[in-house]
Amino acid sequence: MAKYQLLAFTNPVAGREEEFNRWYQEQHIPDLLAVPGFVSAQRYELTDATGSDNPGWTSLAVYELECDDPDALMAQVRSRLGTAAMPVSDSLEPGTFKGLIARAIATRLFSKSA
């Protein structure tokens, strides 16, 4: 099976960050990890430390996927999204989700000092 990364960019509704973080960590990630093909997940808070313009998102989740067909895997996710199998919190700001699938095209390189 091939390995992919799903990069999921989201924003919480303003003032509901705690609720959003709790839902994402305790509900949404376990729901996704229950889908065959999802291997792991890690969440990040985005900053503008690079000096580039803020992309408009504050939260990033990176999921490790192992599957033969990422389109079919994401179709499974879309079929569950908003159902009892994968409820969506209203603390997720509507219209802010953006997901991208990435596949490594070269081996990972490390610093010589690492």
PDB file of N, CA and C in Angstrom:
ATOM      1  N   MET A   1       0.832  -1.192   0.000  1.00  0.00           N
ATOM      2  CA  MET A   1       0.000   0.000   0.000  1.00  0.00           C
ATOM      3  C   MET A   1       0.869   1.245   0.000  1.00  0.00           C
ATOM      4  N   ALA A   2       0.375   2.252  -0.644  1.00  0.00           N
ATOM      5  CA  ALA A   2       1.104   3.517  -0.718  1.00  0.00           C
ATOM      6  C   ALA A   2       0.853   4.346   0.543  1.00  0.00           C
ATOM      7  N   LYS A   3       1.786   5.229   0.844  1.00  0.00           N
ATOM      8  CA  LYS A   3       1.665   6.113   2.007  1.00  0.00           C
ATOM      9  C   LYS A   3       1.415   7.540   1.524  1.00  0.00           C
ATOM     10  N   TYR A   4       0.506   8.194   2.208  1.00  0.00           N
ATOM     11  CA  TYR A   4       0.132   9.572   1.898  1.00  0.00           C
ATOM     12  C   TYR A   4       0.027  10.351   3.200  1.00  0.00           C
ATOM     13  N   GLN A   5      -0.036  11.659   3.072  1.00  0.00           N
ATOM     14  CA  GLN A   5      -0.331  12.551   4.191  1.00  0.00           C
ATOM     15  C   GLN A   5      -1.565  13.353   3.795  1.00  0.00           C
ATOM     16  N   LEU A   6      -2.500  13.467   4.712  1.00  0.00           N
ATOM     17  CA  LEU A   6      -3.636  14.366   4.545  1.00  0.00           C
ATOM     18  C   LEU A   6      -3.354  15.580   5.404  1.00  0.00           C
ATOM     19  N   LEU A   7      -3.346  16.751   4.797  1.00  0.00           N
ATOM     20  CA  LEU A   7      -3.172  18.006   5.520  1.00  0.00           C
ATOM     21  C   LEU A   7      -4.540  18.668   5.588  1.00  0.00           C
ATOM     22  N   ALA A   8      -5.057  18.839   6.798  1.00  0.00           N
ATOM     23  CA  ALA A   8      -6.394  19.396   6.996  1.00  0.00           C
ATOM     24  C   ALA A   8      -6.278  20.735   7.716  1.00  0.00           C
ATOM     25  N   PHE A   9      -6.620  21.800   7.023  1.00  0.00           N
ATOM     26  CA  PHE A   9      -6.562  23.160   7.551  1.00  0.00           C
ATOM     27  C   PHE A   9      -7.965  23.557   8.010  1.00  0.00           C
ATOM     28  N   THR A  10      -8.072  24.077   9.239  1.00  0.00           N
ATOM     29  CA  THR A  10      -9.369  24.468   9.785  1.00  0.00           C
ATOM     30  C   THR A  10      -9.229  25.686  10.681  1.00  0.00           C
ATOM     31  N   ASN A  11     -10.384  26.253  11.025  1.00  0.00           N
ATOM     32  CA  ASN A  11     -10.472  27.335  11.999  1.00  0.00           C
ATOM     33  C   ASN A  11     -11.631  27.064  12.942  1.00  0.00           C
ATOM     34  N   PRO A  12     -11.459  27.396  14.214  1.00  0.00           N
ATOM     35  CA  PRO A  12     -12.599  27.348  15.126  1.00  0.00           C
ATOM     36  C   PRO A  12     -13.440  28.614  14.990  1.00  0.00           C
ATOM     37  N   VAL A  13     -14.683  28.533  15.421  1.00  0.00           N
ATOM     38  CA  VAL A  13     -15.502  29.731  15.539  1.00  0.00           C
ATOM     39  C   VAL A  13     -14.856  30.601  16.614  1.00  0.00           C
ATOM     40  N   ALA A  14     -14.743  31.889  16.362  1.00  0.00           N
ATOM     41  CA  ALA A  14     -14.121  32.817  17.326  1.00  0.00           C
ATOM     42  C   ALA A  14     -14.793  32.701  18.684  1.00  0.00           C
ATOM     43  N   GLY A  15     -13.967  32.571  19.725  1.00  0.00           N
ATOM     44  CA  GLY A  15     -14.457  32.462  21.086  1.00  0.00           C
ATOM     45  C   GLY A  15     -14.808  31.042  21.512  1.00  0.00           C
ATOM     46  N   ARG A  16     -14.711  30.084  20.579  1.00  0.00           N
ATOM     47  CA  ARG A  16     -15.066  28.695  20.895  1.00  0.00           C
ATOM     48  C   ARG A  16     -13.877  27.757  20.675  1.00  0.00           C
ATOM     49  N   GLU A  17     -12.676  28.299  20.832  1.00  0.00           N
ATOM     50  CA  GLU A  17     -11.463  27.528  20.580  1.00  0.00           C
ATOM     51  C   GLU A  17     -11.342  26.302  21.477  1.00  0.00           C
ATOM     52  N   GLU A  18     -11.660  26.431  22.756  1.00  0.00           N
ATOM     53  CA  GLU A  18     -11.553  25.285  23.672  1.00  0.00           C
ATOM     54  C   GLU A  18     -12.481  24.157  23.253  1.00  0.00           C
ATOM     55  N   GLU A  19     -13.714  24.514  22.942  1.00  0.00           N
ATOM     56  CA  GLU A  19     -14.707  23.519  22.500  1.00  0.00           C
ATOM     57  C   GLU A  19     -14.246  22.842  21.207  1.00  0.00           C
ATOM     58  N   PHE A  20     -13.751  23.642  20.264  1.00  0.00           N
ATOM     59  CA  PHE A  20     -13.244  23.122  18.998  1.00  0.00           C
ATOM     60  C   PHE A  20     -12.090  22.155  19.229  1.00  0.00           C
ATOM     61  N   ASN A  21     -11.121  22.550  20.056  1.00  0.00           N
ATOM     62  CA  ASN A  21      -9.961  21.700  20.318  1.00  0.00           C
ATOM     63  C   ASN A  21     -10.358  20.396  21.000  1.00  0.00           C
ATOM     64  N   ARG A  22     -11.297  20.479  21.923  1.00  0.00           N
ATOM     65  CA  ARG A  22     -11.765  19.270  22.609  1.00  0.00           C
ATOM     66  C   ARG A  22     -12.471  18.335  21.611  1.00  0.00           C
ATOM     67  N   TRP A  23     -13.387  18.885  20.806  1.00  0.00           N
ATOM     68  CA  TRP A  23     -14.084  18.076  19.800  1.00  0.00           C
ATOM     69  C   TRP A  23     -13.077  17.465  18.832  1.00  0.00           C
ATOM     70  N   TYR A  24     -12.150  18.254  18.330  1.00  0.00           N
ATOM     71  CA  TYR A  24     -11.209  17.767  17.321  1.00  0.00           C
ATOM     72  C   TYR A  24     -10.352  16.636  17.876  1.00  0.00           C
ATOM     73  N   GLN A  25      -9.824  16.836  19.080  1.00  0.00           N
ATOM     74  CA  GLN A  25      -8.897  15.866  19.668  1.00  0.00           C
ATOM     75  C   GLN A  25      -9.605  14.621  20.198  1.00  0.00           C
ATOM     76  N   GLU A  26     -10.766  14.822  20.827  1.00  0.00           N
ATOM     77  CA  GLU A  26     -11.429  13.712  21.517  1.00  0.00           C
ATOM     78  C   GLU A  26     -12.486  13.009  20.669  1.00  0.00           C
ATOM     79  N   GLN A  27     -13.013  13.668  19.629  1.00  0.00           N
ATOM     80  CA  GLN A  27     -14.076  13.087  18.815  1.00  0.00           C
ATOM     81  C   GLN A  27     -13.637  12.889  17.368  1.00  0.00           C
ATOM     82  N   HIS A  28     -13.230  13.978  16.734  1.00  0.00           N
ATOM     83  CA  HIS A  28     -12.996  13.932  15.294  1.00  0.00           C
ATOM     84  C   HIS A  28     -11.812  13.048  14.910  1.00  0.00           C
ATOM     85  N   ILE A  29     -10.691  13.223  15.574  1.00  0.00           N
ATOM     86  CA  ILE A  29      -9.525  12.391  15.240  1.00  0.00           C
ATOM     87  C   ILE A  29      -9.821  10.909  15.480  1.00  0.00           C
ATOM     88  N   PRO A  30     -10.376  10.510  16.626  1.00  0.00           N
ATOM     89  CA  PRO A  30     -10.707   9.087  16.776  1.00  0.00           C
ATOM     90  C   PRO A  30     -11.686   8.576  15.713  1.00  0.00           C
ATOM     91  N   ASP A  31     -12.650   9.418  15.321  1.00  0.00           N
ATOM     92  CA  ASP A  31     -13.577   9.015  14.256  1.00  0.00           C
ATOM     93  C   ASP A  31     -12.833   8.755  12.952  1.00  0.00           C
ATOM     94  N   LEU A  32     -11.888   9.627  12.620  1.00  0.00           N
ATOM     95  CA  LEU A  32     -11.110   9.427  11.393  1.00  0.00           C
ATOM     96  C   LEU A  32     -10.195   8.214  11.503  1.00  0.00           C
ATOM     97  N   LEU A  33      -9.582   8.021  12.656  1.00  0.00           N
ATOM     98  CA  LEU A  33      -8.683   6.877  12.824  1.00  0.00           C
ATOM     99  C   LEU A  33      -9.433   5.548  12.797  1.00  0.00           C
ATOM    100  N   ALA A  34     -10.757   5.578  12.928  1.00  0.00           N
ATOM    101  CA  ALA A  34     -11.577   4.372  12.808  1.00  0.00           C
ATOM    102  C   ALA A  34     -11.806   3.974  11.348  1.00  0.00           C
ATOM    103  N   VAL A  35     -11.493   4.881  10.427  1.00  0.00           N
ATOM    104  CA  VAL A  35     -11.646   4.588   8.994  1.00  0.00           C
ATOM    105  C   VAL A  35     -10.414   3.809   8.542  1.00  0.00           C
ATOM    106  N   PRO A  36     -10.599   2.604   7.985  1.00  0.00           N
ATOM    107  CA  PRO A  36      -9.444   1.838   7.494  1.00  0.00           C
ATOM    108  C   PRO A  36      -8.641   2.649   6.473  1.00  0.00           C
ATOM    109  N   GLY A  37      -7.340   2.746   6.724  1.00  0.00           N
ATOM    110  CA  GLY A  37      -6.458   3.538   5.875  1.00  0.00           C
ATOM    111  C   GLY A  37      -5.850   4.722   6.614  1.00  0.00           C
ATOM    112  N   PHE A  38      -6.539   5.178   7.677  1.00  0.00           N
ATOM    113  CA  PHE A  38      -5.981   6.234   8.525  1.00  0.00           C
ATOM    114  C   PHE A  38      -5.099   5.570   9.570  1.00  0.00           C
ATOM    115  N   VAL A  39      -3.840   6.007   9.655  1.00  0.00           N
ATOM    116  CA  VAL A  39      -2.857   5.358  10.529  1.00  0.00           C
ATOM    117  C   VAL A  39      -2.567   6.184  11.779  1.00  0.00           C
ATOM    118  N   SER A  40      -2.382   7.493  11.615  1.00  0.00           N
ATOM    119  CA  SER A  40      -2.038   8.347  12.746  1.00  0.00           C
ATOM    120  C   SER A  40      -2.471   9.778  12.462  1.00  0.00           C
ATOM    121  N   ALA A  41      -2.423  10.598  13.510  1.00  0.00           N
ATOM    122  CA  ALA A  41      -2.801  12.001  13.372  1.00  0.00           C
ATOM    123  C   ALA A  41      -2.016  12.838  14.355  1.00  0.00           C
ATOM    124  N   GLN A  42      -1.712  14.062  13.949  1.00  0.00           N
ATOM    125  CA  GLN A  42      -1.086  15.034  14.842  1.00  0.00           C
ATOM    126  C   GLN A  42      -1.596  16.409  14.476  1.00  0.00           C
ATOM    127  N   ARG A  43      -1.886  17.219  15.507  1.00  0.00           N
ATOM    128  CA  ARG A  43      -2.426  18.558  15.286  1.00  0.00           C
ATOM    129  C   ARG A  43      -1.367  19.613  15.541  1.00  0.00           C
ATOM    130  N   TYR A  44      -1.522  20.747  14.845  1.00  0.00           N
ATOM    131  CA  TYR A  44      -0.591  21.869  14.950  1.00  0.00           C
ATOM    132  C   TYR A  44      -1.373  23.171  15.023  1.00  0.00           C
ATOM    133  N   GLU A  45      -0.795  24.128  15.729  1.00  0.00           N
ATOM    134  CA  GLU A  45      -1.289  25.502  15.716  1.00  0.00           C
ATOM    135  C   GLU A  45      -0.422  26.260  14.715  1.00  0.00           C
ATOM    136  N   LEU A  46      -1.044  26.952  13.793  1.00  0.00           N
ATOM    137  CA  LEU A  46      -0.291  27.668  12.766  1.00  0.00           C
ATOM    138  C   LEU A  46       0.080  29.064  13.243  1.00  0.00           C
ATOM    139  N   THR A  47       1.289  29.484  12.887  1.00  0.00           N
ATOM    140  CA  THR A  47       1.751  30.835  13.193  1.00  0.00           C
ATOM    141  C   THR A  47       2.272  31.468  11.907  1.00  0.00           C
ATOM    142  N   ASP A  48       2.608  32.723  11.972  1.00  0.00           N
ATOM    143  CA  ASP A  48       3.138  33.448  10.822  1.00  0.00           C
ATOM    144  C   ASP A  48       4.622  33.739  11.031  1.00  0.00           C
ATOM    145  N   ALA A  49       5.348  32.788  11.605  1.00  0.00           N
ATOM    146  CA  ALA A  49       6.754  33.002  11.943  1.00  0.00           C
ATOM    147  C   ALA A  49       7.655  33.149  10.719  1.00  0.00           C
ATOM    148  N   THR A  50       7.183  32.739   9.555  1.00  0.00           N
ATOM    149  CA  THR A  50       8.018  32.839   8.358  1.00  0.00           C
ATOM    150  C   THR A  50       8.040  34.252   7.784  1.00  0.00           C
ATOM    151  N   GLY A  51       7.120  35.099   8.255  1.00  0.00           N
ATOM    152  CA  GLY A  51       7.058  36.462   7.730  1.00  0.00           C
ATOM    153  C   GLY A  51       6.206  36.580   6.485  1.00  0.00           C
ATOM    154  N   SER A  52       5.637  35.466   6.034  1.00  0.00           N
ATOM    155  CA  SER A  52       4.734  35.530   4.884  1.00  0.00           C
ATOM    156  C   SER A  52       3.338  35.891   5.374  1.00  0.00           C
ATOM    157  N   ASP A  53       2.495  36.223   4.452  1.00  0.00           N
ATOM    158  CA  ASP A  53       1.132  36.574   4.838  1.00  0.00           C
ATOM    159  C   ASP A  53       0.444  35.391   5.502  1.00  0.00           C
ATOM    160  N   ASN A  54      -0.397  35.685   6.488  1.00  0.00           N
ATOM    161  CA  ASN A  54      -1.170  34.667   7.173  1.00  0.00           C
ATOM    162  C   ASN A  54      -2.088  33.993   6.156  1.00  0.00           C
ATOM    163  N   PRO A  55      -2.077  32.647   6.078  1.00  0.00           N
ATOM    164  CA  PRO A  55      -2.891  31.974   5.076  1.00  0.00           C
ATOM    165  C   PRO A  55      -4.379  31.953   5.401  1.00  0.00           C
ATOM    166  N   GLY A  56      -4.761  32.387   6.589  1.00  0.00           N
ATOM    167  CA  GLY A  56      -6.171  32.405   6.936  1.00  0.00           C
ATOM    168  C   GLY A  56      -6.605  31.247   7.816  1.00  0.00           C
ATOM    169  N   TRP A  57      -5.724  30.298   8.082  1.00  0.00           N
ATOM    170  CA  TRP A  57      -6.058  29.175   8.964  1.00  0.00           C
ATOM    171  C   TRP A  57      -5.236  29.268  10.237  1.00  0.00           C
ATOM    172  N   THR A  58      -5.790  28.737  11.305  1.00  0.00           N
ATOM    173  CA  THR A  58      -5.092  28.726  12.586  1.00  0.00           C
ATOM    174  C   THR A  58      -4.744  27.317  13.042  1.00  0.00           C
ATOM    175  N   SER A  59      -5.338  26.309  12.414  1.00  0.00           N
ATOM    176  CA  SER A  59      -5.168  24.936  12.864  1.00  0.00           C
ATOM    177  C   SER A  59      -4.844  24.028  11.684  1.00  0.00           C
ATOM    178  N   LEU A  60      -3.926  23.101  11.917  1.00  0.00           N
ATOM    179  CA  LEU A  60      -3.551  22.108  10.909  1.00  0.00           C
ATOM    180  C   LEU A  60      -3.504  20.745  11.574  1.00  0.00           C
ATOM    181  N   ALA A  61      -4.110  19.759  10.942  1.00  0.00           N
ATOM    182  CA  ALA A  61      -3.967  18.366  11.367  1.00  0.00           C
ATOM    183  C   ALA A  61      -3.310  17.620  10.217  1.00  0.00           C
ATOM    184  N   VAL A  62      -2.319  16.797  10.555  1.00  0.00           N
ATOM    185  CA  VAL A  62      -1.626  15.984   9.556  1.00  0.00           C
ATOM    186  C   VAL A  62      -1.916  14.527   9.880  1.00  0.00           C
ATOM    187  N   TYR A  63      -2.495  13.842   8.918  1.00  0.00           N
ATOM    188  CA  TYR A  63      -2.859  12.437   9.070  1.00  0.00           C
ATOM    189  C   TYR A  63      -1.970  11.596   8.174  1.00  0.00           C
ATOM    190  N   GLU A  64      -1.481  10.494   8.715  1.00  0.00           N
ATOM    191  CA  GLU A  64      -0.740   9.522   7.919  1.00  0.00           C
ATOM    192  C   GLU A  64      -1.751   8.519   7.383  1.00  0.00           C
ATOM    193  N   LEU A  65      -1.702   8.312   6.070  1.00  0.00           N
ATOM    194  CA  LEU A  65      -2.627   7.397   5.409  1.00  0.00           C
ATOM    195  C   LEU A  65      -1.847   6.270   4.748  1.00  0.00           C
ATOM    196  N   GLU A  66      -2.421   5.085   4.740  1.00  0.00           N
ATOM    197  CA  GLU A  66      -1.885   3.958   3.975  1.00  0.00           C
ATOM    198  C   GLU A  66      -3.046   3.364   3.204  1.00  0.00           C
ATOM    199  N   CYS A  67      -2.994   3.515   1.887  1.00  0.00           N
ATOM    200  CA  CYS A  67      -4.089   3.027   1.055  1.00  0.00           C
ATOM    201  C   CYS A  67      -3.621   2.937  -0.392  1.00  0.00           C
ATOM    202  N   ASP A  68      -4.388   2.244  -1.201  1.00  0.00           N
ATOM    203  CA  ASP A  68      -4.091   2.164  -2.622  1.00  0.00           C
ATOM    204  C   ASP A  68      -4.762   3.283  -3.409  1.00  0.00           C
ATOM    205  N   ASP A  69      -5.863   3.812  -2.870  1.00  0.00           N
ATOM    206  CA  ASP A  69      -6.647   4.804  -3.600  1.00  0.00           C
ATOM    207  C   ASP A  69      -7.101   5.913  -2.648  1.00  0.00           C
ATOM    208  N   PRO A  70      -6.345   7.014  -2.561  1.00  0.00           N
ATOM    209  CA  PRO A  70      -6.726   8.080  -1.630  1.00  0.00           C
ATOM    210  C   PRO A  70      -8.070   8.720  -1.969  1.00  0.00           C
ATOM    211  N   ASP A  71      -8.444   8.746  -3.251  1.00  0.00           N
ATOM    212  CA  ASP A  71      -9.755   9.300  -3.613  1.00  0.00           C
ATOM    213  C   ASP A  71     -10.880   8.459  -3.016  1.00  0.00           C
ATOM    214  N   ALA A  72     -10.735   7.129  -3.074  1.00  0.00           N
ATOM    215  CA  ALA A  72     -11.746   6.239  -2.491  1.00  0.00           C
ATOM    216  C   ALA A  72     -11.782   6.386  -0.973  1.00  0.00           C
ATOM    217  N   LEU A  73     -10.613   6.541  -0.355  1.00  0.00           N
ATOM    218  CA  LEU A  73     -10.550   6.730   1.094  1.00  0.00           C
ATOM    219  C   LEU A  73     -11.282   8.004   1.497  1.00  0.00           C
ATOM    220  N   MET A  74     -11.042   9.079   0.783  1.00  0.00           N
ATOM    221  CA  MET A  74     -11.695  10.340   1.115  1.00  0.00           C
ATOM    222  C   MET A  74     -13.192  10.286   0.813  1.00  0.00           C
ATOM    223  N   ALA A  75     -13.601   9.491  -0.174  1.00  0.00           N
ATOM    224  CA  ALA A  75     -15.033   9.298  -0.427  1.00  0.00           C
ATOM    225  C   ALA A  75     -15.690   8.619   0.773  1.00  0.00           C
ATOM    226  N   GLN A  76     -14.981   7.668   1.397  1.00  0.00           N
ATOM    227  CA  GLN A  76     -15.493   7.033   2.618  1.00  0.00           C
ATOM    228  C   GLN A  76     -15.669   8.071   3.719  1.00  0.00           C
ATOM    229  N   VAL A  77     -14.681   8.933   3.870  1.00  0.00           N
ATOM    230  CA  VAL A  77     -14.761   9.974   4.900  1.00  0.00           C
ATOM    231  C   VAL A  77     -15.958  10.882   4.622  1.00  0.00           C
ATOM    232  N   ARG A  78     -16.101  11.330   3.379  1.00  0.00           N
ATOM    233  CA  ARG A  78     -17.212  12.230   3.036  1.00  0.00           C
ATOM    234  C   ARG A  78     -18.564  11.561   3.288  1.00  0.00           C
ATOM    235  N   SER A  79     -18.649  10.242   3.076  1.00  0.00           N
ATOM    236  CA  SER A  79     -19.923   9.545   3.306  1.00  0.00           C
ATOM    237  C   SER A  79     -20.258   9.468   4.795  1.00  0.00           C
ATOM    238  N   ARG A  80     -19.266   9.518   5.662  1.00  0.00           N
ATOM    239  CA  ARG A  80     -19.485   9.453   7.112  1.00  0.00           C
ATOM    240  C   ARG A  80     -19.653  10.829   7.737  1.00  0.00           C
ATOM    241  N   LEU A  81     -19.055  11.846   7.116  1.00  0.00           N
ATOM    242  CA  LEU A  81     -19.029  13.185   7.682  1.00  0.00           C
ATOM    243  C   LEU A  81     -20.442  13.723   7.918  1.00  0.00           C
ATOM    244  N   GLY A  82     -20.693  14.171   9.132  1.00  0.00           N
ATOM    245  CA  GLY A  82     -21.999  14.721   9.479  1.00  0.00           C
ATOM    246  C   GLY A  82     -23.006  13.671   9.894  1.00  0.00           C
ATOM    247  N   THR A  83     -22.589  12.399   9.990  1.00  0.00           N
ATOM    248  CA  THR A  83     -23.466  11.330  10.455  1.00  0.00           C
ATOM    249  C   THR A  83     -23.078  10.982  11.894  1.00  0.00           C
ATOM    250  N   ALA A  84     -23.789  10.005  12.472  1.00  0.00           N
ATOM    251  CA  ALA A  84     -23.464   9.561  13.830  1.00  0.00           C
ATOM    252  C   ALA A  84     -22.059   8.972  13.895  1.00  0.00           C
ATOM    253  N   ALA A  85     -21.567   8.447  12.767  1.00  0.00           N
ATOM    254  CA  ALA A  85     -20.225   7.868  12.735  1.00  0.00           C
ATOM    255  C   ALA A  85     -19.136   8.940  12.752  1.00  0.00           C
ATOM    256  N   MET A  86     -19.486  10.153  12.336  1.00  0.00           N
ATOM    257  CA  MET A  86     -18.494  11.233  12.288  1.00  0.00           C
ATOM    258  C   MET A  86     -19.206  12.588  12.412  1.00  0.00           C
ATOM    259  N   PRO A  87     -19.713  12.888  13.616  1.00  0.00           N
ATOM    260  CA  PRO A  87     -20.399  14.174  13.788  1.00  0.00           C
ATOM    261  C   PRO A  87     -19.443  15.349  13.634  1.00  0.00           C
ATOM    262  N   VAL A  88     -19.996  16.466  13.188  1.00  0.00           N
ATOM    263  CA  VAL A  88     -19.210  17.687  13.015  1.00  0.00           C
ATOM    264  C   VAL A  88     -19.695  18.706  14.037  1.00  0.00           C
ATOM    265  N   SER A  89     -18.774  19.286  14.759  1.00  0.00           N
ATOM    266  CA  SER A  89     -19.109  20.280  15.778  1.00  0.00           C
ATOM    267  C   SER A  89     -19.430  21.622  15.128  1.00  0.00           C
ATOM    268  N   ASP A  90     -20.386  22.327  15.710  1.00  0.00           N
ATOM    269  CA  ASP A  90     -20.670  23.673  15.205  1.00  0.00           C
ATOM    270  C   ASP A  90     -19.637  24.680  15.710  1.00  0.00           C
ATOM    271  N   SER A  91     -18.606  24.192  16.438  1.00  0.00           N
ATOM    272  CA  SER A  91     -17.489  25.054  16.815  1.00  0.00           C
ATOM    273  C   SER A  91     -16.458  25.147  15.682  1.00  0.00           C
ATOM    274  N   LEU A  92     -16.638  24.349  14.620  1.00  0.00           N
ATOM    275  CA  LEU A  92     -15.815  24.453  13.410  1.00  0.00           C
ATOM    276  C   LEU A  92     -16.392  25.575  12.561  1.00  0.00           C
ATOM    277  N   GLU A  93     -15.563  26.567  12.262  1.00  0.00           N
ATOM    278  CA  GLU A  93     -16.040  27.708  11.477  1.00  0.00           C
ATOM    279  C   GLU A  93     -16.446  27.231  10.091  1.00  0.00           C
ATOM    280  N   PRO A  94     -17.706  27.439   9.707  1.00  0.00           N
ATOM    281  CA  PRO A  94     -18.180  26.972   8.404  1.00  0.00           C
ATOM    282  C   PRO A  94     -17.365  27.563   7.254  1.00  0.00           C
ATOM    283  N   GLY A  95     -17.112  26.728   6.273  1.00  0.00           N
ATOM    284  CA  GLY A  95     -16.436  27.189   5.060  1.00  0.00           C
ATOM    285  C   GLY A  95     -14.940  27.358   5.157  1.00  0.00           C
ATOM    286  N   THR A  96     -14.333  26.993   6.288  1.00  0.00           N
ATOM    287  CA  THR A  96     -12.895  27.222   6.419  1.00  0.00           C
ATOM    288  C   THR A  96     -12.061  25.978   6.191  1.00  0.00           C
ATOM    289  N   PHE A  97     -12.694  24.804   6.084  1.00  0.00           N
ATOM    290  CA  PHE A  97     -11.916  23.575   5.915  1.00  0.00           C
ATOM    291  C   PHE A  97     -11.266  23.527   4.532  1.00  0.00           C
ATOM    292  N   LYS A  98     -10.005  23.125   4.512  1.00  0.00           N
ATOM    293  CA  LYS A  98      -9.292  22.859   3.260  1.00  0.00           C
ATOM    294  C   LYS A  98      -8.445  21.624   3.497  1.00  0.00           C
ATOM    295  N   GLY A  99      -8.570  20.634   2.643  1.00  0.00           N
ATOM    296  CA  GLY A  99      -7.788  19.417   2.777  1.00  0.00           C
ATOM    297  C   GLY A  99      -6.951  19.167   1.539  1.00  0.00           C
ATOM    298  N   LEU A 100      -5.742  18.718   1.746  1.00  0.00           N
ATOM    299  CA  LEU A 100      -4.835  18.385   0.649  1.00  0.00           C
ATOM    300  C   LEU A 100      -4.216  17.024   0.940  1.00  0.00           C
ATOM    301  N   ILE A 101      -4.053  16.210  -0.091  1.00  0.00           N
ATOM    302  CA  ILE A 101      -3.378  14.921   0.041  1.00  0.00           C
ATOM    303  C   ILE A 101      -1.995  15.070  -0.577  1.00  0.00           C
ATOM    304  N   ALA A 102      -0.986  14.605   0.152  1.00  0.00           N
ATOM    305  CA  ALA A 102       0.400  14.689  -0.336  1.00  0.00           C
ATOM    306  C   ALA A 102       1.004  13.283  -0.354  1.00  0.00           C
ATOM    307  N   ARG A 103       1.839  13.056  -1.344  1.00  0.00           N
ATOM    308  CA  ARG A 103       2.582  11.799  -1.460  1.00  0.00           C
ATOM    309  C   ARG A 103       4.047  12.163  -1.587  1.00  0.00           C
ATOM    310  N   ALA A 104       4.899  11.513  -0.792  1.00  0.00           N
ATOM    311  CA  ALA A 104       6.337  11.797  -0.840  1.00  0.00           C
ATOM    312  C   ALA A 104       6.883  11.439  -2.217  1.00  0.00           C
ATOM    313  N   ILE A 105       7.721  12.314  -2.749  1.00  0.00           N
ATOM    314  CA  ILE A 105       8.332  12.047  -4.053  1.00  0.00           C
ATOM    315  C   ILE A 105       9.844  11.839  -3.935  1.00  0.00           C
ATOM    316  N   ALA A 106      10.349  11.919  -2.708  1.00  0.00           N
ATOM    317  CA  ALA A 106      11.772  11.693  -2.446  1.00  0.00           C
ATOM    318  C   ALA A 106      11.916  11.219  -1.007  1.00  0.00           C
ATOM    319  N   THR A 107      13.060  10.672  -0.690  1.00  0.00           N
ATOM    320  CA  THR A 107      13.281  10.220   0.684  1.00  0.00           C
ATOM    321  C   THR A 107      13.455  11.412   1.609  1.00  0.00           C
ATOM    322  N   ARG A 108      13.166  11.209   2.864  1.00  0.00           N
ATOM    323  CA  ARG A 108      13.303  12.249   3.870  1.00  0.00           C
ATOM    324  C   ARG A 108      14.779  12.480   4.154  1.00  0.00           C
ATOM    325  N   LEU A 109      15.165  13.741   4.235  1.00  0.00           N
ATOM    326  CA  LEU A 109      16.537  14.125   4.548  1.00  0.00           C
ATOM    327  C   LEU A 109      16.591  14.700   5.956  1.00  0.00           C
ATOM    328  N   PHE A 110      17.704  14.521   6.623  1.00  0.00           N
ATOM    329  CA  PHE A 110      17.898  14.998   7.981  1.00  0.00           C
ATOM    330  C   PHE A 110      19.132  15.875   8.058  1.00  0.00           C
ATOM    331  N   SER A 111      19.124  16.794   8.993  1.00  0.00           N
ATOM    332  CA  SER A 111      20.278  17.633   9.277  1.00  0.00           C
ATOM    333  C   SER A 111      21.424  16.746   9.767  1.00  0.00           C
ATOM    334  N   LYS A 112      22.653  17.114   9.431  1.00  0.00           N
ATOM    335  CA  LYS A 112      23.802  16.344   9.908  1.00  0.00           C
ATOM    336  C   LYS A 112      23.972  16.475  11.408  1.00  0.00           C
ATOM    337  N   SER A 113      23.390  17.519  11.991  1.00  0.00           N
ATOM    338  CA  SER A 113      23.531  17.720  13.426  1.00  0.00           C
ATOM    339  C   SER A 113      22.441  17.003  14.210  1.00  0.00           C
ATOM    340  N   ALA A 114      21.497  16.407  13.532  1.00  0.00           N
ATOM    341  CA  ALA A 114      20.366  15.739  14.230  1.00  0.00           C
ATOM    342  C   ALA A 114      20.772  14.373  14.727  1.00  0.00           C
TER     343      ALA A 114
END
